[in-house]
Amino acid sequence: MAGNGKNRSDIRPGLHVDIVLKKDQRTGVTTRGVVKDILTNSLFHPHGIKVRLQDGQVGRVQSIVDGTDI
């Protein structure tokens, strides 16, 4: 189940995702990790749903990684 990370309903704790950290927004460099918490309350966000990864990093989801890409 790959997705684009803009719909809150597609994201849940335990999912592997690629996020863009605040410091990397200009370059678009992504960081891969596992969702711990969903921080965006709205159902949709045009720049991606904000999440906290299990390692504590916070960023906006750019893509959901399916099992074959891990």
PDB file of N, CA and C in Angstrom:
ATOM      1  N   MET A   1       0.829  -1.185   0.000  1.00  0.00           N
ATOM      2  CA  MET A   1       0.000   0.000   0.000  1.00  0.00           C
ATOM      3  C   MET A   1       0.875   1.251   0.000  1.00  0.00           C
ATOM      4  N   ALA A   2       1.301   1.688  -1.123  1.00  0.00           N
ATOM      5  CA  ALA A   2       2.079   2.918  -1.211  1.00  0.00           C
ATOM      6  C   ALA A   2       1.127   4.098  -1.320  1.00  0.00           C
ATOM      7  N   GLY A   3       1.535   5.237  -0.794  1.00  0.00           N
ATOM      8  CA  GLY A   3       0.699   6.427  -0.856  1.00  0.00           C
ATOM      9  C   GLY A   3       1.573   7.658  -0.893  1.00  0.00           C
ATOM     10  N   ASN A   4       0.914   8.808  -1.005  1.00  0.00           N
ATOM     11  CA  ASN A   4       1.683  10.040  -1.125  1.00  0.00           C
ATOM     12  C   ASN A   4       1.838  10.794   0.195  1.00  0.00           C
ATOM     13  N   GLY A   5       1.178  10.364   1.254  1.00  0.00           N
ATOM     14  CA  GLY A   5       1.381  10.965   2.559  1.00  0.00           C
ATOM     15  C   GLY A   5       0.608  12.236   2.838  1.00  0.00           C
ATOM     16  N   LYS A   6      -0.344  12.587   1.976  1.00  0.00           N
ATOM     17  CA  LYS A   6      -1.107  13.819   2.169  1.00  0.00           C
ATOM     18  C   LYS A   6      -2.435  13.594   2.883  1.00  0.00           C
ATOM     19  N   ASN A   7      -2.889  12.341   2.950  1.00  0.00           N
ATOM     20  CA  ASN A   7      -4.139  12.004   3.628  1.00  0.00           C
ATOM     21  C   ASN A   7      -3.837  11.329   4.955  1.00  0.00           C
ATOM     22  N   ARG A   8      -4.391  11.891   6.029  1.00  0.00           N
ATOM     23  CA  ARG A   8      -4.144  11.366   7.368  1.00  0.00           C
ATOM     24  C   ARG A   8      -4.620   9.917   7.496  1.00  0.00           C
ATOM     25  N   SER A   9      -5.695   9.566   6.790  1.00  0.00           N
ATOM     26  CA  SER A   9      -6.255   8.216   6.891  1.00  0.00           C
ATOM     27  C   SER A   9      -5.317   7.137   6.350  1.00  0.00           C
ATOM     28  N   ASP A  10      -4.332   7.522   5.533  1.00  0.00           N
ATOM     29  CA  ASP A  10      -3.382   6.561   4.962  1.00  0.00           C
ATOM     30  C   ASP A  10      -2.220   6.257   5.900  1.00  0.00           C
ATOM     31  N   ILE A  11      -2.080   7.044   6.976  1.00  0.00           N
ATOM     32  CA  ILE A  11      -0.911   6.955   7.838  1.00  0.00           C
ATOM     33  C   ILE A  11      -1.316   6.452   9.215  1.00  0.00           C
ATOM     34  N   ARG A  12      -0.511   5.526   9.747  1.00  0.00           N
ATOM     35  CA  ARG A  12      -0.771   5.001  11.084  1.00  0.00           C
ATOM     36  C   ARG A  12       0.568   4.626  11.718  1.00  0.00           C
ATOM     37  N   PRO A  13       0.610   4.577  13.042  1.00  0.00           N
ATOM     38  CA  PRO A  13       1.847   4.188  13.722  1.00  0.00           C
ATOM     39  C   PRO A  13       2.329   2.807  13.259  1.00  0.00           C
ATOM     40  N   GLY A  14       3.637   2.672  13.116  1.00  0.00           N
ATOM     41  CA  GLY A  14       4.230   1.414  12.678  1.00  0.00           C
ATOM     42  C   GLY A  14       4.517   1.358  11.190  1.00  0.00           C
ATOM     43  N   LEU A  15       4.009   2.330  10.441  1.00  0.00           N
ATOM     44  CA  LEU A  15       4.204   2.368   8.991  1.00  0.00           C
ATOM     45  C   LEU A  15       5.600   2.898   8.661  1.00  0.00           C
ATOM     46  N   HIS A  16       6.245   2.331   7.648  1.00  0.00           N
ATOM     47  CA  HIS A  16       7.518   2.846   7.158  1.00  0.00           C
ATOM     48  C   HIS A  16       7.217   3.959   6.164  1.00  0.00           C
ATOM     49  N   VAL A  17       7.862   5.114   6.364  1.00  0.00           N
ATOM     50  CA  VAL A  17       7.617   6.272   5.516  1.00  0.00           C
ATOM     51  C   VAL A  17       8.917   6.994   5.196  1.00  0.00           C
ATOM     52  N   ASP A  18       8.868   7.806   4.145  1.00  0.00           N
ATOM     53  CA  ASP A  18       9.935   8.759   3.839  1.00  0.00           C
ATOM     54  C   ASP A  18       9.403  10.134   4.195  1.00  0.00           C
ATOM     55  N   ILE A  19      10.153  10.870   5.012  1.00  0.00           N
ATOM     56  CA  ILE A  19       9.733  12.210   5.416  1.00  0.00           C
ATOM     57  C   ILE A  19      10.783  13.235   5.001  1.00  0.00           C
ATOM     58  N   VAL A  20      10.361  14.497   4.936  1.00  0.00           N
ATOM     59  CA  VAL A  20      11.289  15.608   4.748  1.00  0.00           C
ATOM     60  C   VAL A  20      11.341  16.366   6.061  1.00  0.00           C
ATOM     61  N   LEU A  21      12.526  16.450   6.625  1.00  0.00           N
ATOM     62  CA  LEU A  21      12.727  17.203   7.857  1.00  0.00           C
ATOM     63  C   LEU A  21      12.686  18.697   7.552  1.00  0.00           C
ATOM     64  N   LYS A  22      12.376  19.511   8.553  1.00  0.00           N
ATOM     65  CA  LYS A  22      12.311  20.965   8.378  1.00  0.00           C
ATOM     66  C   LYS A  22      13.599  21.502   7.761  1.00  0.00           C
ATOM     67  N   LYS A  23      14.747  21.023   8.240  1.00  0.00           N
ATOM     68  CA  LYS A  23      16.040  21.517   7.744  1.00  0.00           C
ATOM     69  C   LYS A  23      16.301  21.106   6.291  1.00  0.00           C
ATOM     70  N   ASP A  24      15.587  20.089   5.805  1.00  0.00           N
ATOM     71  CA  ASP A  24      15.801  19.597   4.441  1.00  0.00           C
ATOM     72  C   ASP A  24      14.719  20.038   3.457  1.00  0.00           C
ATOM     73  N   GLN A  25      13.822  20.943   3.880  1.00  0.00           N
ATOM     74  CA  GLN A  25      12.722  21.332   3.006  1.00  0.00           C
ATOM     75  C   GLN A  25      13.202  21.975   1.703  1.00  0.00           C
ATOM     76  N   ARG A  26      14.265  22.749   1.762  1.00  0.00           N
ATOM     77  CA  ARG A  26      14.767  23.411   0.538  1.00  0.00           C
ATOM     78  C   ARG A  26      15.366  22.412  -0.446  1.00  0.00           C
ATOM     79  N   THR A  27      16.049  21.392   0.071  1.00  0.00           N
ATOM     80  CA  THR A  27      16.717  20.426  -0.809  1.00  0.00           C
ATOM     81  C   THR A  27      15.818  19.252  -1.171  1.00  0.00           C
ATOM     82  N   GLY A  28      14.829  18.956  -0.320  1.00  0.00           N
ATOM     83  CA  GLY A  28      13.939  17.836  -0.582  1.00  0.00           C
ATOM     84  C   GLY A  28      14.513  16.482  -0.207  1.00  0.00           C
ATOM     85  N   VAL A  29      15.618  16.483   0.535  1.00  0.00           N
ATOM     86  CA  VAL A  29      16.236  15.227   0.981  1.00  0.00           C
ATOM     87  C   VAL A  29      15.275  14.519   1.936  1.00  0.00           C
ATOM     88  N   THR A  30      15.062  13.224   1.707  1.00  0.00           N
ATOM     89  CA  THR A  30      14.131  12.485   2.549  1.00  0.00           C
ATOM     90  C   THR A  30      14.872  11.619   3.564  1.00  0.00           C
ATOM     91  N   THR A  31      14.170  11.328   4.647  1.00  0.00           N
ATOM     92  CA  THR A  31      14.658  10.473   5.719  1.00  0.00           C
ATOM     93  C   THR A  31      13.658   9.341   5.897  1.00  0.00           C
ATOM     94  N   ARG A  32      14.132   8.110   5.964  1.00  0.00           N
ATOM     95  CA  ARG A  32      13.242   6.955   6.102  1.00  0.00           C
ATOM     96  C   ARG A  32      13.142   6.549   7.565  1.00  0.00           C
ATOM     97  N   GLY A  33      11.941   6.176   7.973  1.00  0.00           N
ATOM     98  CA  GLY A  33      11.759   5.736   9.343  1.00  0.00           C
ATOM     99  C   GLY A  33      10.380   5.148   9.565  1.00  0.00           C
ATOM    100  N   VAL A  34      10.104   4.831  10.835  1.00  0.00           N
ATOM    101  CA  VAL A  34       8.844   4.210  11.225  1.00  0.00           C
ATOM    102  C   VAL A  34       8.040   5.222  12.035  1.00  0.00           C
ATOM    103  N   VAL A  35       6.766   5.407  11.676  1.00  0.00           N
ATOM    104  CA  VAL A  35       5.902   6.377  12.337  1.00  0.00           C
ATOM    105  C   VAL A  35       5.648   5.967  13.789  1.00  0.00           C
ATOM    106  N   LYS A  36       5.857   6.920  14.703  1.00  0.00           N
ATOM    107  CA  LYS A  36       5.522   6.730  16.114  1.00  0.00           C
ATOM    108  C   LYS A  36       4.227   7.476  16.434  1.00  0.00           C
ATOM    109  N   ASP A  37       4.159   8.767  16.043  1.00  0.00           N
ATOM    110  CA  ASP A  37       3.000   9.606  16.326  1.00  0.00           C
ATOM    111  C   ASP A  37       2.616  10.401  15.090  1.00  0.00           C
ATOM    112  N   ILE A  38       1.315  10.651  14.914  1.00  0.00           N
ATOM    113  CA  ILE A  38       0.815  11.535  13.870  1.00  0.00           C
ATOM    114  C   ILE A  38       0.555  12.883  14.531  1.00  0.00           C
ATOM    115  N   LEU A  39       1.183  13.939  14.000  1.00  0.00           N
ATOM    116  CA  LEU A  39       1.104  15.252  14.632  1.00  0.00           C
ATOM    117  C   LEU A  39       0.096  16.183  13.964  1.00  0.00           C
ATOM    118  N   THR A  40      -0.248  15.945  12.706  1.00  0.00           N
ATOM    119  CA  THR A  40      -1.226  16.771  12.010  1.00  0.00           C
ATOM    120  C   THR A  40      -2.627  16.313  12.377  1.00  0.00           C
ATOM    121  N   ASN A  41      -3.486  17.253  12.774  1.00  0.00           N
ATOM    122  CA  ASN A  41      -4.853  16.918  13.149  1.00  0.00           C
ATOM    123  C   ASN A  41      -5.819  16.898  11.972  1.00  0.00           C
ATOM    124  N   SER A  42      -5.533  17.699  10.931  1.00  0.00           N
ATOM    125  CA  SER A  42      -6.455  17.765   9.802  1.00  0.00           C
ATOM    126  C   SER A  42      -6.393  16.479   8.975  1.00  0.00           C
ATOM    127  N   LEU A  43      -7.458  16.208   8.231  1.00  0.00           N
ATOM    128  CA  LEU A  43      -7.546  14.989   7.424  1.00  0.00           C
ATOM    129  C   LEU A  43      -6.646  15.020   6.202  1.00  0.00           C
ATOM    130  N   PHE A  44      -6.277  16.229   5.750  1.00  0.00           N
ATOM    131  CA  PHE A  44      -5.461  16.392   4.544  1.00  0.00           C
ATOM    132  C   PHE A  44      -4.516  17.561   4.751  1.00  0.00           C
ATOM    133  N   HIS A  45      -3.297  17.442   4.238  1.00  0.00           N
ATOM    134  CA  HIS A  45      -2.367  18.571   4.229  1.00  0.00           C
ATOM    135  C   HIS A  45      -1.613  18.541   2.909  1.00  0.00           C
ATOM    136  N   PRO A  46      -1.603  19.653   2.165  1.00  0.00           N
ATOM    137  CA  PRO A  46      -0.993  19.664   0.826  1.00  0.00           C
ATOM    138  C   PRO A  46       0.508  19.390   0.803  1.00  0.00           C
ATOM    139  N   HIS A  47       1.207  19.628   1.921  1.00  0.00           N
ATOM    140  CA  HIS A  47       2.654  19.392   1.963  1.00  0.00           C
ATOM    141  C   HIS A  47       3.008  18.079   2.639  1.00  0.00           C
ATOM    142  N   GLY A  48       2.003  17.325   3.061  1.00  0.00           N
ATOM    143  CA  GLY A  48       2.241  16.040   3.722  1.00  0.00           C
ATOM    144  C   GLY A  48       1.872  16.105   5.191  1.00  0.00           C
ATOM    145  N   ILE A  49       1.410  14.991   5.715  1.00  0.00           N
ATOM    146  CA  ILE A  49       1.032  14.889   7.122  1.00  0.00           C
ATOM    147  C   ILE A  49       2.297  14.893   7.980  1.00  0.00           C
ATOM    148  N   LYS A  50       2.293  15.691   9.042  1.00  0.00           N
ATOM    149  CA  LYS A  50       3.467  15.766   9.920  1.00  0.00           C
ATOM    150  C   LYS A  50       3.433  14.611  10.914  1.00  0.00           C
ATOM    151  N   VAL A  51       4.582  13.926  11.032  1.00  0.00           N
ATOM    152  CA  VAL A  51       4.692  12.774  11.927  1.00  0.00           C
ATOM    153  C   VAL A  51       5.985  12.843  12.730  1.00  0.00           C
ATOM    154  N   ARG A  52       5.992  12.094  13.827  1.00  0.00           N
ATOM    155  CA  ARG A  52       7.216  11.873  14.600  1.00  0.00           C
ATOM    156  C   ARG A  52       7.618  10.436  14.372  1.00  0.00           C
ATOM    157  N   LEU A  53       8.878  10.221  14.011  1.00  0.00           N
ATOM    158  CA  LEU A  53       9.385   8.866  13.805  1.00  0.00           C
ATOM    159  C   LEU A  53       9.779   8.257  15.144  1.00  0.00           C
ATOM    160  N   GLN A  54      10.004   6.958  15.153  1.00  0.00           N
ATOM    161  CA  GLN A  54      10.398   6.264  16.393  1.00  0.00           C
ATOM    162  C   GLN A  54      11.720   6.779  16.945  1.00  0.00           C
ATOM    163  N   ASP A  55      12.575   7.318  16.086  1.00  0.00           N
ATOM    164  CA  ASP A  55      13.851   7.861  16.567  1.00  0.00           C
ATOM    165  C   ASP A  55      13.746   9.317  17.011  1.00  0.00           C
ATOM    166  N   GLY A  56      12.518   9.891  16.977  1.00  0.00           N
ATOM    167  CA  GLY A  56      12.291  11.242  17.478  1.00  0.00           C
ATOM    168  C   GLY A  56      12.297  12.336  16.430  1.00  0.00           C
ATOM    169  N   GLN A  57      12.713  12.046  15.214  1.00  0.00           N
ATOM    170  CA  GLN A  57      12.737  13.063  14.166  1.00  0.00           C
ATOM    171  C   GLN A  57      11.308  13.401  13.727  1.00  0.00           C
ATOM    172  N   VAL A  58      11.084  14.674  13.383  1.00  0.00           N
ATOM    173  CA  VAL A  58       9.765  15.145  12.979  1.00  0.00           C
ATOM    174  C   VAL A  58       9.847  15.716  11.573  1.00  0.00           C
ATOM    175  N   GLY A  59       8.883  15.339  10.736  1.00  0.00           N
ATOM    176  CA  GLY A  59       8.846  15.869   9.380  1.00  0.00           C
ATOM    177  C   GLY A  59       7.535  15.531   8.704  1.00  0.00           C
ATOM    178  N   ARG A  60       7.410  15.964   7.461  1.00  0.00           N
ATOM    179  CA  ARG A  60       6.197  15.731   6.690  1.00  0.00           C
ATOM    180  C   ARG A  60       6.382  14.530   5.760  1.00  0.00           C
ATOM    181  N   VAL A  61       5.375  13.661   5.747  1.00  0.00           N
ATOM    182  CA  VAL A  61       5.441  12.435   4.946  1.00  0.00           C
ATOM    183  C   VAL A  61       5.427  12.785   3.464  1.00  0.00           C
ATOM    184  N   GLN A  62       6.402  12.269   2.746  1.00  0.00           N
ATOM    185  CA  GLN A  62       6.462  12.437   1.297  1.00  0.00           C
ATOM    186  C   GLN A  62       5.960  11.190   0.589  1.00  0.00           C
ATOM    187  N   SER A  63       6.202  10.032   1.183  1.00  0.00           N
ATOM    188  CA  SER A  63       5.703   8.784   0.596  1.00  0.00           C
ATOM    189  C   SER A  63       5.636   7.709   1.667  1.00  0.00           C
ATOM    190  N   ILE A  64       4.738   6.781   1.428  1.00  0.00           N
ATOM    191  CA  ILE A  64       4.592   5.607   2.291  1.00  0.00           C
ATOM    192  C   ILE A  64       5.352   4.481   1.610  1.00  0.00           C
ATOM    193  N   VAL A  65       6.215   3.806   2.362  1.00  0.00           N
ATOM    194  CA  VAL A  65       7.068   2.771   1.806  1.00  0.00           C
ATOM    195  C   VAL A  65       6.377   1.430   1.979  1.00  0.00           C
ATOM    196  N   ASP A  66       6.197   0.699   0.881  1.00  0.00           N
ATOM    197  CA  ASP A  66       5.581  -0.623   1.021  1.00  0.00           C
ATOM    198  C   ASP A  66       6.666  -1.644   1.366  1.00  0.00           C
ATOM    199  N   GLY A  67       6.271  -2.851   1.684  1.00  0.00           N
ATOM    200  CA  GLY A  67       7.161  -3.884   2.165  1.00  0.00           C
ATOM    201  C   GLY A  67       8.323  -4.221   1.234  1.00  0.00           C
ATOM    202  N   THR A  68       8.158  -4.025  -0.058  1.00  0.00           N
ATOM    203  CA  THR A  68       9.213  -4.382  -1.012  1.00  0.00           C
ATOM    204  C   THR A  68      10.331  -3.347  -1.077  1.00  0.00           C
ATOM    205  N   ASP A  69      10.074  -2.122  -0.557  1.00  0.00           N
ATOM    206  CA  ASP A  69      11.064  -1.043  -0.641  1.00  0.00           C
ATOM    207  C   ASP A  69      11.884  -0.850   0.625  1.00  0.00           C
ATOM    208  N   ILE A  70      11.598  -1.637   1.668  1.00  0.00           N
ATOM    209  CA  ILE A  70      12.275  -1.420   2.954  1.00  0.00           C
ATOM    210  C   ILE A  70      13.696  -1.915   2.896  1.00  0.00           C
TER     211      ILE A  70
END
